[in-house]
Amino acid sequence: MKEYVIELEIFEGNPGRLHADGAYPDFAKEGICAWMYGRLQVGQKFRYPDDLGQLCPWLVDSLTGMIRVLENGGTLPWRYRGTPYEKVIDPDGVTTEFVRCPDPAASVVIKITRTALPE
């Protein structure tokens, strides 16, 4: 069975900005992810499974099904052509997938990148 490296990247999301006076923003109104607030950024990458504890448990739960498919050599057929979420599918190289957080106000999207290791 092939082995893979899986990386998770924050592809979209609003981490908000810390207020100098210590006040909190209106998270839902401003579309700010409370988990990202003040500490995580778009473009930040995480190793799977090592860094899962740094991500929101609700988001991790949303990722689990996709990760199971990818880590076992599968691919998901939809491609999202012509969108920012257009995927790469190469079972012998790099495959990507996108997963959205279940919180519609937060609008966090994670890009999963699976890279096949040489045999």
PDB file of N, CA and C in Angstrom:
ATOM      1  N   MET A   1       0.839  -1.185   0.000  1.00  0.00           N
ATOM      2  CA  MET A   1       0.000   0.000   0.000  1.00  0.00           C
ATOM      3  C   MET A   1       0.884   1.248   0.000  1.00  0.00           C
ATOM      4  N   LYS A   2       0.507   2.225  -0.809  1.00  0.00           N
ATOM      5  CA  LYS A   2       1.254   3.476  -0.882  1.00  0.00           C
ATOM      6  C   LYS A   2       1.204   4.208   0.443  1.00  0.00           C
ATOM      7  N   GLU A   3       2.233   5.002   0.665  1.00  0.00           N
ATOM      8  CA  GLU A   3       2.257   5.873   1.835  1.00  0.00           C
ATOM      9  C   GLU A   3       2.211   7.317   1.358  1.00  0.00           C
ATOM     10  N   TYR A   4       1.616   8.164   2.175  1.00  0.00           N
ATOM     11  CA  TYR A   4       1.410   9.553   1.802  1.00  0.00           C
ATOM     12  C   TYR A   4       1.792  10.484   2.942  1.00  0.00           C
ATOM     13  N   VAL A   5       2.097  11.709   2.563  1.00  0.00           N
ATOM     14  CA  VAL A   5       2.215  12.806   3.508  1.00  0.00           C
ATOM     15  C   VAL A   5       0.988  13.674   3.279  1.00  0.00           C
ATOM     16  N   ILE A   6       0.320  14.038   4.363  1.00  0.00           N
ATOM     17  CA  ILE A   6      -0.865  14.891   4.252  1.00  0.00           C
ATOM     18  C   ILE A   6      -0.607  16.188   4.994  1.00  0.00           C
ATOM     19  N   GLU A   7      -0.894  17.278   4.295  1.00  0.00           N
ATOM     20  CA  GLU A   7      -0.713  18.619   4.857  1.00  0.00           C
ATOM     21  C   GLU A   7      -2.043  19.358   4.780  1.00  0.00           C
ATOM     22  N   LEU A   8      -2.337  20.121   5.810  1.00  0.00           N
ATOM     23  CA  LEU A   8      -3.548  20.926   5.872  1.00  0.00           C
ATOM     24  C   LEU A   8      -3.141  22.394   5.841  1.00  0.00           C
ATOM     25  N   GLU A   9      -3.842  23.185   5.053  1.00  0.00           N
ATOM     26  CA  GLU A   9      -3.533  24.608   4.938  1.00  0.00           C
ATOM     27  C   GLU A   9      -4.811  25.425   5.077  1.00  0.00           C
ATOM     28  N   ILE A  10      -4.752  26.488   5.853  1.00  0.00           N
ATOM     29  CA  ILE A  10      -5.899  27.392   5.930  1.00  0.00           C
ATOM     30  C   ILE A  10      -5.939  28.149   4.613  1.00  0.00           C
ATOM     31  N   PHE A  11      -6.939  27.845   3.794  1.00  0.00           N
ATOM     32  CA  PHE A  11      -7.061  28.404   2.455  1.00  0.00           C
ATOM     33  C   PHE A  11      -7.884  29.691   2.475  1.00  0.00           C
ATOM     34  N   GLU A  12      -8.910  29.724   3.313  1.00  0.00           N
ATOM     35  CA  GLU A  12      -9.756  30.908   3.486  1.00  0.00           C
ATOM     36  C   GLU A  12     -10.149  31.003   4.943  1.00  0.00           C
ATOM     37  N   GLY A  13     -10.396  32.203   5.394  1.00  0.00           N
ATOM     38  CA  GLY A  13     -10.872  32.402   6.754  1.00  0.00           C
ATOM     39  C   GLY A  13     -10.518  33.797   7.217  1.00  0.00           C
ATOM     40  N   ASN A  14     -11.286  34.287   8.149  1.00  0.00           N
ATOM     41  CA  ASN A  14     -11.062  35.621   8.685  1.00  0.00           C
ATOM     42  C   ASN A  14     -10.623  35.480  10.138  1.00  0.00           C
ATOM     43  N   PRO A  15      -9.331  35.714  10.418  1.00  0.00           N
ATOM     44  CA  PRO A  15      -8.857  35.600  11.790  1.00  0.00           C
ATOM     45  C   PRO A  15      -9.150  36.847  12.625  1.00  0.00           C
ATOM     46  N   GLY A  16      -9.645  37.898  11.990  1.00  0.00           N
ATOM     47  CA  GLY A  16      -9.883  39.149  12.713  1.00  0.00           C
ATOM     48  C   GLY A  16      -8.584  39.783  13.159  1.00  0.00           C
ATOM     49  N   ARG A  17      -8.717  40.888  13.864  1.00  0.00           N
ATOM     50  CA  ARG A  17      -7.542  41.580  14.409  1.00  0.00           C
ATOM     51  C   ARG A  17      -7.775  41.839  15.880  1.00  0.00           C
ATOM     52  N   LEU A  18      -6.733  41.595  16.654  1.00  0.00           N
ATOM     53  CA  LEU A  18      -6.824  41.867  18.083  1.00  0.00           C
ATOM     54  C   LEU A  18      -6.998  43.365  18.290  1.00  0.00           C
ATOM     55  N   HIS A  19      -7.904  43.733  19.162  1.00  0.00           N
ATOM     56  CA  HIS A  19      -8.153  45.141  19.470  1.00  0.00           C
ATOM     57  C   HIS A  19      -7.205  45.575  20.581  1.00  0.00           C
ATOM     58  N   ALA A  20      -6.618  46.736  20.420  1.00  0.00           N
ATOM     59  CA  ALA A  20      -5.663  47.251  21.408  1.00  0.00           C
ATOM     60  C   ALA A  20      -6.311  47.432  22.780  1.00  0.00           C
ATOM     61  N   ASP A  21      -7.608  47.737  22.799  1.00  0.00           N
ATOM     62  CA  ASP A  21      -8.298  47.963  24.076  1.00  0.00           C
ATOM     63  C   ASP A  21      -8.799  46.671  24.725  1.00  0.00           C
ATOM     64  N   GLY A  22      -8.544  45.531  24.080  1.00  0.00           N
ATOM     65  CA  GLY A  22      -8.959  44.250  24.636  1.00  0.00           C
ATOM     66  C   GLY A  22     -10.395  43.873  24.317  1.00  0.00           C
ATOM     67  N   ALA A  23     -11.132  44.745  23.623  1.00  0.00           N
ATOM     68  CA  ALA A  23     -12.519  44.453  23.254  1.00  0.00           C
ATOM     69  C   ALA A  23     -12.538  43.376  22.169  1.00  0.00           C
ATOM     70  N   TYR A  24     -13.609  42.595  22.146  1.00  0.00           N
ATOM     71  CA  TYR A  24     -13.765  41.560  21.130  1.00  0.00           C
ATOM     72  C   TYR A  24     -14.687  42.065  20.023  1.00  0.00           C
ATOM     73  N   PRO A  25     -14.423  41.657  18.792  1.00  0.00           N
ATOM     74  CA  PRO A  25     -15.306  42.034  17.687  1.00  0.00           C
ATOM     75  C   PRO A  25     -16.594  41.220  17.732  1.00  0.00           C
ATOM     76  N   ASP A  26     -17.533  41.585  16.896  1.00  0.00           N
ATOM     77  CA  ASP A  26     -18.753  40.800  16.717  1.00  0.00           C
ATOM     78  C   ASP A  26     -18.397  39.691  15.718  1.00  0.00           C
ATOM     79  N   PHE A  27     -18.033  38.517  16.230  1.00  0.00           N
ATOM     80  CA  PHE A  27     -17.522  37.436  15.397  1.00  0.00           C
ATOM     81  C   PHE A  27     -18.466  37.073  14.254  1.00  0.00           C
ATOM     82  N   ALA A  28     -19.738  36.862  14.553  1.00  0.00           N
ATOM     83  CA  ALA A  28     -20.692  36.451  13.522  1.00  0.00           C
ATOM     84  C   ALA A  28     -20.894  37.557  12.488  1.00  0.00           C
ATOM     85  N   LYS A  29     -21.049  38.779  12.934  1.00  0.00           N
ATOM     86  CA  LYS A  29     -21.296  39.898  12.021  1.00  0.00           C
ATOM     87  C   LYS A  29     -20.104  40.126  11.091  1.00  0.00           C
ATOM     88  N   GLU A  30     -18.903  39.974  11.606  1.00  0.00           N
ATOM     89  CA  GLU A  30     -17.694  40.235  10.825  1.00  0.00           C
ATOM     90  C   GLU A  30     -17.144  38.982  10.147  1.00  0.00           C
ATOM     91  N   GLY A  31     -17.800  37.827  10.355  1.00  0.00           N
ATOM     92  CA  GLY A  31     -17.350  36.586   9.727  1.00  0.00           C
ATOM     93  C   GLY A  31     -16.005  36.116  10.235  1.00  0.00           C
ATOM     94  N   ILE A  32     -15.743  36.346  11.503  1.00  0.00           N
ATOM     95  CA  ILE A  32     -14.464  35.987  12.104  1.00  0.00           C
ATOM     96  C   ILE A  32     -14.570  34.610  12.750  1.00  0.00           C
ATOM     97  N   CYS A  33     -13.583  33.787  12.502  1.00  0.00           N
ATOM     98  CA  CYS A  33     -13.524  32.479  13.137  1.00  0.00           C
ATOM     99  C   CYS A  33     -12.949  32.647  14.541  1.00  0.00           C
ATOM    100  N   ALA A  34     -13.713  32.288  15.544  1.00  0.00           N
ATOM    101  CA  ALA A  34     -13.256  32.436  16.933  1.00  0.00           C
ATOM    102  C   ALA A  34     -12.026  31.586  17.223  1.00  0.00           C
ATOM    103  N   TRP A  35     -11.893  30.443  16.549  1.00  0.00           N
ATOM    104  CA  TRP A  35     -10.737  29.586  16.784  1.00  0.00           C
ATOM    105  C   TRP A  35      -9.472  30.211  16.199  1.00  0.00           C
ATOM    106  N   MET A  36      -9.608  30.871  15.052  1.00  0.00           N
ATOM    107  CA  MET A  36      -8.457  31.505  14.398  1.00  0.00           C
ATOM    108  C   MET A  36      -8.074  32.823  15.064  1.00  0.00           C
ATOM    109  N   TYR A  37      -9.036  33.448  15.722  1.00  0.00           N
ATOM    110  CA  TYR A  37      -8.891  34.824  16.192  1.00  0.00           C
ATOM    111  C   TYR A  37      -7.563  35.077  16.899  1.00  0.00           C
ATOM    112  N   GLY A  38      -6.777  35.957  16.298  1.00  0.00           N
ATOM    113  CA  GLY A  38      -5.543  36.413  16.907  1.00  0.00           C
ATOM    114  C   GLY A  38      -4.388  35.431  16.902  1.00  0.00           C
ATOM    115  N   ARG A  39      -4.554  34.248  16.288  1.00  0.00           N
ATOM    116  CA  ARG A  39      -3.440  33.294  16.350  1.00  0.00           C
ATOM    117  C   ARG A  39      -3.187  32.507  15.076  1.00  0.00           C
ATOM    118  N   LEU A  40      -4.195  32.271  14.262  1.00  0.00           N
ATOM    119  CA  LEU A  40      -3.999  31.519  13.017  1.00  0.00           C
ATOM    120  C   LEU A  40      -4.244  32.439  11.823  1.00  0.00           C
ATOM    121  N   GLN A  41      -3.599  32.136  10.697  1.00  0.00           N
ATOM    122  CA  GLN A  41      -3.693  32.978   9.511  1.00  0.00           C
ATOM    123  C   GLN A  41      -3.941  32.145   8.260  1.00  0.00           C
ATOM    124  N   VAL A  42      -4.531  32.776   7.262  1.00  0.00           N
ATOM    125  CA  VAL A  42      -4.653  32.154   5.954  1.00  0.00           C
ATOM    126  C   VAL A  42      -3.237  31.858   5.464  1.00  0.00           C
ATOM    127  N   GLY A  43      -3.045  30.677   4.897  1.00  0.00           N
ATOM    128  CA  GLY A  43      -1.742  30.251   4.408  1.00  0.00           C
ATOM    129  C   GLY A  43      -0.965  29.411   5.408  1.00  0.00           C
ATOM    130  N   GLN A  44      -1.408  29.412   6.660  1.00  0.00           N
ATOM    131  CA  GLN A  44      -0.721  28.626   7.678  1.00  0.00           C
ATOM    132  C   GLN A  44      -0.935  27.140   7.393  1.00  0.00           C
ATOM    133  N   LYS A  45       0.135  26.341   7.553  1.00  0.00           N
ATOM    134  CA  LYS A  45       0.081  24.914   7.234  1.00  0.00           C
ATOM    135  C   LYS A  45       0.276  24.069   8.478  1.00  0.00           C
ATOM    136  N   PHE A  46      -0.318  22.873   8.427  1.00  0.00           N
ATOM    137  CA  PHE A  46      -0.287  21.942   9.547  1.00  0.00           C
ATOM    138  C   PHE A  46      -0.020  20.535   9.013  1.00  0.00           C
ATOM    139  N   ARG A  47       0.773  19.767   9.734  1.00  0.00           N
ATOM    140  CA  ARG A  47       1.031  18.372   9.373  1.00  0.00           C
ATOM    141  C   ARG A  47      -0.066  17.493   9.951  1.00  0.00           C
ATOM    142  N   TYR A  48      -0.489  16.534   9.159  1.00  0.00           N
ATOM    143  CA  TYR A  48      -1.465  15.561   9.634  1.00  0.00           C
ATOM    144  C   TYR A  48      -0.720  14.275   9.945  1.00  0.00           C
ATOM    145  N   PRO A  49      -0.957  13.672  11.078  1.00  0.00           N
ATOM    146  CA  PRO A  49      -1.891  14.005  12.147  1.00  0.00           C
ATOM    147  C   PRO A  49      -1.263  14.837  13.269  1.00  0.00           C
ATOM    148  N   ASP A  50       0.015  15.131  13.169  1.00  0.00           N
ATOM    149  CA  ASP A  50       0.758  15.754  14.271  1.00  0.00           C
ATOM    150  C   ASP A  50       0.151  17.051  14.809  1.00  0.00           C
ATOM    151  N   ASP A  51      -0.347  17.898  13.916  1.00  0.00           N
ATOM    152  CA  ASP A  51      -0.776  19.234  14.322  1.00  0.00           C
ATOM    153  C   ASP A  51      -2.290  19.402  14.482  1.00  0.00           C
ATOM    154  N   LEU A  52      -3.044  18.311  14.477  1.00  0.00           N
ATOM    155  CA  LEU A  52      -4.508  18.427  14.564  1.00  0.00           C
ATOM    156  C   LEU A  52      -4.975  19.187  15.795  1.00  0.00           C
ATOM    157  N   GLY A  53      -4.238  19.094  16.890  1.00  0.00           N
ATOM    158  CA  GLY A  53      -4.625  19.772  18.123  1.00  0.00           C
ATOM    159  C   GLY A  53      -4.625  21.289  18.017  1.00  0.00           C
ATOM    160  N   GLN A  54      -4.033  21.823  16.960  1.00  0.00           N
ATOM    161  CA  GLN A  54      -4.014  23.272  16.756  1.00  0.00           C
ATOM    162  C   GLN A  54      -5.245  23.769  16.016  1.00  0.00           C
ATOM    163  N   LEU A  55      -6.053  22.834  15.521  1.00  0.00           N
ATOM    164  CA  LEU A  55      -7.238  23.204  14.749  1.00  0.00           C
ATOM    165  C   LEU A  55      -8.510  23.030  15.573  1.00  0.00           C
ATOM    166  N   CYS A  56      -9.533  23.734  15.169  1.00  0.00           N
ATOM    167  CA  CYS A  56     -10.839  23.655  15.822  1.00  0.00           C
ATOM    168  C   CYS A  56     -11.382  22.228  15.717  1.00  0.00           C
ATOM    169  N   PRO A  57     -11.880  21.665  16.819  1.00  0.00           N
ATOM    170  CA  PRO A  57     -12.410  20.298  16.775  1.00  0.00           C
ATOM    171  C   PRO A  57     -13.561  20.123  15.790  1.00  0.00           C
ATOM    172  N   TRP A  58     -14.391  21.153  15.603  1.00  0.00           N
ATOM    173  CA  TRP A  58     -15.497  21.057  14.646  1.00  0.00           C
ATOM    174  C   TRP A  58     -14.963  20.961  13.226  1.00  0.00           C
ATOM    175  N   LEU A  59     -13.916  21.731  12.944  1.00  0.00           N
ATOM    176  CA  LEU A  59     -13.300  21.693  11.621  1.00  0.00           C
ATOM    177  C   LEU A  59     -12.624  20.341  11.398  1.00  0.00           C
ATOM    178  N   VAL A  60     -11.916  19.850  12.389  1.00  0.00           N
ATOM    179  CA  VAL A  60     -11.260  18.543  12.277  1.00  0.00           C
ATOM    180  C   VAL A  60     -12.298  17.459  11.999  1.00  0.00           C
ATOM    181  N   ASP A  61     -13.436  17.537  12.657  1.00  0.00           N
ATOM    182  CA  ASP A  61     -14.491  16.555  12.419  1.00  0.00           C
ATOM    183  C   ASP A  61     -14.963  16.618  10.965  1.00  0.00           C
ATOM    184  N   SER A  62     -15.040  17.814  10.401  1.00  0.00           N
ATOM    185  CA  SER A  62     -15.440  17.963   8.993  1.00  0.00           C
ATOM    186  C   SER A  62     -14.398  17.405   8.043  1.00  0.00           C
ATOM    187  N   LEU A  63     -13.141  17.462   8.430  1.00  0.00           N
ATOM    188  CA  LEU A  63     -12.042  16.981   7.593  1.00  0.00           C
ATOM    189  C   LEU A  63     -11.897  15.463   7.586  1.00  0.00           C
ATOM    190  N   THR A  64     -12.328  14.822   8.646  1.00  0.00           N
ATOM    191  CA  THR A  64     -12.029  13.414   8.880  1.00  0.00           C
ATOM    192  C   THR A  64     -12.401  12.495   7.717  1.00  0.00           C
ATOM    193  N   GLY A  65     -13.580  12.622   7.169  1.00  0.00           N
ATOM    194  CA  GLY A  65     -13.997  11.744   6.064  1.00  0.00           C
ATOM    195  C   GLY A  65     -13.108  11.893   4.849  1.00  0.00           C
ATOM    196  N   MET A  66     -12.806  13.128   4.480  1.00  0.00           N
ATOM    197  CA  MET A  66     -11.939  13.374   3.321  1.00  0.00           C
ATOM    198  C   MET A  66     -10.538  12.816   3.571  1.00  0.00           C
ATOM    199  N   ILE A  67     -10.025  13.045   4.760  1.00  0.00           N
ATOM    200  CA  ILE A  67      -8.684  12.550   5.079  1.00  0.00           C
ATOM    201  C   ILE A  67      -8.643  11.034   5.005  1.00  0.00           C
ATOM    202  N   ARG A  68      -9.667  10.358   5.509  1.00  0.00           N
ATOM    203  CA  ARG A  68      -9.702   8.885   5.463  1.00  0.00           C
ATOM    204  C   ARG A  68      -9.627   8.387   4.028  1.00  0.00           C
ATOM    205  N   VAL A  69     -10.394   9.003   3.142  1.00  0.00           N
ATOM    206  CA  VAL A  69     -10.353   8.615   1.733  1.00  0.00           C
ATOM    207  C   VAL A  69      -8.954   8.814   1.171  1.00  0.00           C
ATOM    208  N   LEU A  70      -8.386  10.003   1.392  1.00  0.00           N
ATOM    209  CA  LEU A  70      -7.080  10.336   0.814  1.00  0.00           C
ATOM    210  C   LEU A  70      -5.946   9.482   1.380  1.00  0.00           C
ATOM    211  N   GLU A  71      -5.937   9.262   2.694  1.00  0.00           N
ATOM    212  CA  GLU A  71      -4.827   8.509   3.281  1.00  0.00           C
ATOM    213  C   GLU A  71      -4.866   7.032   2.900  1.00  0.00           C
ATOM    214  N   ASN A  72      -6.003   6.582   2.400  1.00  0.00           N
ATOM    215  CA  ASN A  72      -6.126   5.194   1.958  1.00  0.00           C
ATOM    216  C   ASN A  72      -6.059   5.055   0.441  1.00  0.00           C
ATOM    217  N   GLY A  73      -5.568   6.101  -0.231  1.00  0.00           N
ATOM    218  CA  GLY A  73      -5.326   6.034  -1.666  1.00  0.00           C
ATOM    219  C   GLY A  73      -6.480   6.440  -2.549  1.00  0.00           C
ATOM    220  N   GLY A  74      -7.613   6.792  -1.969  1.00  0.00           N
ATOM    221  CA  GLY A  74      -8.771   7.177  -2.764  1.00  0.00           C
ATOM    222  C   GLY A  74      -8.722   8.623  -3.224  1.00  0.00           C
ATOM    223  N   THR A  75      -9.608   8.934  -4.137  1.00  0.00           N
ATOM    224  CA  THR A  75      -9.805  10.318  -4.574  1.00  0.00           C
ATOM    225  C   THR A  75     -11.295  10.576  -4.649  1.00  0.00           C
ATOM    226  N   LEU A  76     -11.655  11.820  -4.595  1.00  0.00           N
ATOM    227  CA  LEU A  76     -13.055  12.220  -4.703  1.00  0.00           C
ATOM    228  C   LEU A  76     -13.227  12.884  -6.064  1.00  0.00           C
ATOM    229  N   PRO A  77     -14.222  12.469  -6.849  1.00  0.00           N
ATOM    230  CA  PRO A  77     -14.263  12.810  -8.267  1.00  0.00           C
ATOM    231  C   PRO A  77     -14.612  14.258  -8.626  1.00  0.00           C
ATOM    232  N   TRP A  78     -15.248  15.007  -7.748  1.00  0.00           N
ATOM    233  CA  TRP A  78     -15.621  16.368  -8.145  1.00  0.00           C
ATOM    234  C   TRP A  78     -14.373  17.240  -8.215  1.00  0.00           C
ATOM    235  N   ARG A  79     -14.384  18.200  -9.144  1.00  0.00           N
ATOM    236  CA  ARG A  79     -13.175  18.979  -9.408  1.00  0.00           C
ATOM    237  C   ARG A  79     -13.314  20.475  -9.148  1.00  0.00           C
ATOM    238  N   TYR A  80     -14.506  20.987  -9.063  1.00  0.00           N
ATOM    239  CA  TYR A  80     -14.733  22.431  -8.853  1.00  0.00           C
ATOM    240  C   TYR A  80     -14.091  23.268  -9.953  1.00  0.00           C
ATOM    241  N   ARG A  81     -14.152  22.810 -11.183  1.00  0.00           N
ATOM    242  CA  ARG A  81     -13.512  23.507 -12.303  1.00  0.00           C
ATOM    243  C   ARG A  81     -13.946  24.960 -12.380  1.00  0.00           C
ATOM    244  N   GLY A  82     -12.975  25.811 -12.676  1.00  0.00           N
ATOM    245  CA  GLY A  82     -13.242  27.233 -12.853  1.00  0.00           C
ATOM    246  C   GLY A  82     -13.487  27.995 -11.565  1.00  0.00           C
ATOM    247  N   THR A  83     -13.196  27.374 -10.417  1.00  0.00           N
ATOM    248  CA  THR A  83     -13.370  28.042  -9.127  1.00  0.00           C
ATOM    249  C   THR A  83     -12.022  28.114  -8.417  1.00  0.00           C
ATOM    250  N   PRO A  84     -11.933  28.895  -7.345  1.00  0.00           N
ATOM    251  CA  PRO A  84     -10.684  28.921  -6.570  1.00  0.00           C
ATOM    252  C   PRO A  84     -10.369  27.572  -5.915  1.00  0.00           C
ATOM    253  N   TYR A  85     -11.349  26.660  -5.901  1.00  0.00           N
ATOM    254  CA  TYR A  85     -11.190  25.360  -5.246  1.00  0.00           C
ATOM    255  C   TYR A  85     -10.898  24.243  -6.249  1.00  0.00           C
ATOM    256  N   GLU A  86     -10.492  24.596  -7.463  1.00  0.00           N
ATOM    257  CA  GLU A  86     -10.208  23.569  -8.467  1.00  0.00           C
ATOM    258  C   GLU A  86      -9.118  22.640  -7.953  1.00  0.00           C
ATOM    259  N   LYS A  87      -9.379  21.348  -8.061  1.00  0.00           N
ATOM    260  CA  LYS A  87      -8.510  20.343  -7.461  1.00  0.00           C
ATOM    261  C   LYS A  87      -7.486  19.791  -8.432  1.00  0.00           C
ATOM    262  N   VAL A  88      -6.472  19.202  -7.832  1.00  0.00           N
ATOM    263  CA  VAL A  88      -5.493  18.394  -8.545  1.00  0.00           C
ATOM    264  C   VAL A  88      -5.753  16.960  -8.113  1.00  0.00           C
ATOM    265  N   ILE A  89      -5.840  16.054  -9.065  1.00  0.00           N
ATOM    266  CA  ILE A  89      -6.033  14.643  -8.724  1.00  0.00           C
ATOM    267  C   ILE A  89      -4.971  13.826  -9.446  1.00  0.00           C
ATOM    268  N   ASP A  90      -4.031  13.298  -8.676  1.00  0.00           N
ATOM    269  CA  ASP A  90      -2.977  12.432  -9.205  1.00  0.00           C
ATOM    270  C   ASP A  90      -2.675  11.378  -8.140  1.00  0.00           C
ATOM    271  N   PRO A  91      -3.259  10.194  -8.266  1.00  0.00           N
ATOM    272  CA  PRO A  91      -3.059   9.154  -7.261  1.00  0.00           C
ATOM    273  C   PRO A  91      -1.596   8.798  -7.015  1.00  0.00           C
ATOM    274  N   ASP A  92      -0.730   9.055  -8.000  1.00  0.00           N
ATOM    275  CA  ASP A  92       0.683   8.720  -7.853  1.00  0.00           C
ATOM    276  C   ASP A  92       1.547   9.935  -7.520  1.00  0.00           C
ATOM    277  N   GLY A  93       0.935  11.077  -7.313  1.00  0.00           N
ATOM    278  CA  GLY A  93       1.682  12.301  -7.024  1.00  0.00           C
ATOM    279  C   GLY A  93       0.964  13.129  -5.973  1.00  0.00           C
ATOM    280  N   VAL A  94       0.483  14.291  -6.390  1.00  0.00           N
ATOM    281  CA  VAL A  94      -0.185  15.219  -5.479  1.00  0.00           C
ATOM    282  C   VAL A  94      -1.677  15.263  -5.791  1.00  0.00           C
ATOM    283  N   THR A  95      -2.480  15.167  -4.752  1.00  0.00           N
ATOM    284  CA  THR A  95      -3.932  15.306  -4.858  1.00  0.00           C
ATOM    285  C   THR A  95      -4.364  16.330  -3.822  1.00  0.00           C
ATOM    286  N   THR A  96      -5.290  17.204  -4.211  1.00  0.00           N
ATOM    287  CA  THR A  96      -5.792  18.206  -3.264  1.00  0.00           C
ATOM    288  C   THR A  96      -7.294  18.056  -3.090  1.00  0.00           C
ATOM    289  N   GLU A  97      -7.766  18.522  -1.963  1.00  0.00           N
ATOM    290  CA  GLU A  97      -9.192  18.534  -1.638  1.00  0.00           C
ATOM    291  C   GLU A  97      -9.448  19.756  -0.775  1.00  0.00           C
ATOM    292  N   PHE A  98     -10.655  20.270  -0.801  1.00  0.00           N
ATOM    293  CA  PHE A  98     -11.028  21.433  -0.008  1.00  0.00           C
ATOM    294  C   PHE A  98     -12.212  21.086   0.878  1.00  0.00           C
ATOM    295  N   VAL A  99     -12.164  21.559   2.126  1.00  0.00           N
ATOM    296  CA  VAL A  99     -13.237  21.298   3.080  1.00  0.00           C
ATOM    297  C   VAL A  99     -13.596  22.607   3.771  1.00  0.00           C
ATOM    298  N   ARG A 100     -14.886  22.868   3.840  1.00  0.00           N
ATOM    299  CA  ARG A 100     -15.385  24.078   4.489  1.00  0.00           C
ATOM    300  C   ARG A 100     -15.823  23.764   5.916  1.00  0.00           C
ATOM    301  N   CYS A 101     -15.545  24.685   6.806  1.00  0.00           N
ATOM    302  CA  CYS A 101     -15.984  24.595   8.197  1.00  0.00           C
ATOM    303  C   CYS A 101     -17.504  24.553   8.255  1.00  0.00           C
ATOM    304  N   PRO A 102     -18.080  23.843   9.216  1.00  0.00           N
ATOM    305  CA  PRO A 102     -19.536  23.800   9.309  1.00  0.00           C
ATOM    306  C   PRO A 102     -20.162  25.105   9.824  1.00  0.00           C
ATOM    307  N   ASP A 103     -19.361  26.031  10.350  1.00  0.00           N
ATOM    308  CA  ASP A 103     -19.891  27.311  10.840  1.00  0.00           C
ATOM    309  C   ASP A 103     -20.007  28.279   9.665  1.00  0.00           C
ATOM    310  N   PRO A 104     -21.224  28.548   9.192  1.00  0.00           N
ATOM    311  CA  PRO A 104     -21.366  29.399   8.007  1.00  0.00           C
ATOM    312  C   PRO A 104     -20.897  30.837   8.229  1.00  0.00           C
ATOM    313  N   ALA A 105     -20.892  31.315   9.456  1.00  0.00           N
ATOM    314  CA  ALA A 105     -20.429  32.674   9.727  1.00  0.00           C
ATOM    315  C   ALA A 105     -18.911  32.766   9.628  1.00  0.00           C
ATOM    316  N   ALA A 106     -18.203  31.691   9.945  1.00  0.00           N
ATOM    317  CA  ALA A 106     -16.742  31.728   9.971  1.00  0.00           C
ATOM    318  C   ALA A 106     -16.124  31.591   8.582  1.00  0.00           C
ATOM    319  N   SER A 107     -16.742  30.833   7.708  1.00  0.00           N
ATOM    320  CA  SER A 107     -16.270  30.658   6.326  1.00  0.00           C
ATOM    321  C   SER A 107     -14.808  30.232   6.219  1.00  0.00           C
ATOM    322  N   VAL A 108     -14.388  29.297   7.042  1.00  0.00           N
ATOM    323  CA  VAL A 108     -13.026  28.780   6.956  1.00  0.00           C
ATOM    324  C   VAL A 108     -13.013  27.627   5.957  1.00  0.00           C
ATOM    325  N   VAL A 109     -12.015  27.640   5.075  1.00  0.00           N
ATOM    326  CA  VAL A 109     -11.812  26.552   4.125  1.00  0.00           C
ATOM    327  C   VAL A 109     -10.399  26.033   4.323  1.00  0.00           C
ATOM    328  N   ILE A 110     -10.286  24.721   4.429  1.00  0.00           N
ATOM    329  CA  ILE A 110      -8.985  24.056   4.563  1.00  0.00           C
ATOM    330  C   ILE A 110      -8.669  23.346   3.257  1.00  0.00           C
ATOM    331  N   LYS A 111      -7.448  23.497   2.800  1.00  0.00           N
ATOM    332  CA  LYS A 111      -6.963  22.752   1.638  1.00  0.00           C
ATOM    333  C   LYS A 111      -6.158  21.569   2.171  1.00  0.00           C
ATOM    334  N   ILE A 112      -6.544  20.379   1.743  1.00  0.00           N
ATOM    335  CA  ILE A 112      -5.811  19.164   2.100  1.00  0.00           C
ATOM    336  C   ILE A 112      -4.927  18.814   0.902  1.00  0.00           C
ATOM    337  N   THR A 113      -3.659  18.608   1.153  1.00  0.00           N
ATOM    338  CA  THR A 113      -2.740  18.188   0.095  1.00  0.00           C
ATOM    339  C   THR A 113      -2.144  16.841   0.478  1.00  0.00           C
ATOM    340  N   ARG A 114      -2.383  15.874  -0.384  1.00  0.00           N
ATOM    341  CA  ARG A 114      -1.825  14.535  -0.180  1.00  0.00           C
ATOM    342  C   ARG A 114      -0.714  14.335  -1.209  1.00  0.00           C
ATOM    343  N   THR A 115       0.448  13.992  -0.734  1.00  0.00           N
ATOM    344  CA  THR A 115       1.599  13.740  -1.595  1.00  0.00           C
ATOM    345  C   THR A 115       2.046  12.296  -1.427  1.00  0.00           C
ATOM    346  N   ALA A 116       2.088  11.554  -2.527  1.00  0.00           N
ATOM    347  CA  ALA A 116       2.529  10.164  -2.482  1.00  0.00           C
ATOM    348  C   ALA A 116       4.042  10.118  -2.263  1.00  0.00           C
ATOM    349  N   LEU A 117       4.459   9.253  -1.352  1.00  0.00           N
ATOM    350  CA  LEU A 117       5.886   9.051  -1.108  1.00  0.00           C
ATOM    351  C   LEU A 117       6.427   8.022  -2.106  1.00  0.00           C
ATOM    352  N   PRO A 118       7.681   8.147  -2.486  1.00  0.00           N
ATOM    353  CA  PRO A 118       8.249   7.155  -3.409  1.00  0.00           C
ATOM    354  C   PRO A 118       8.227   5.764  -2.779  1.00  0.00           C
ATOM    355  N   GLU A 119       7.989   4.770  -3.603  1.00  0.00           N
ATOM    356  CA  GLU A 119       7.936   3.388  -3.101  1.00  0.00           C
ATOM    357  C   GLU A 119       9.308   2.795  -2.987  1.00  0.00           C
TER     358      GLU A 119
END
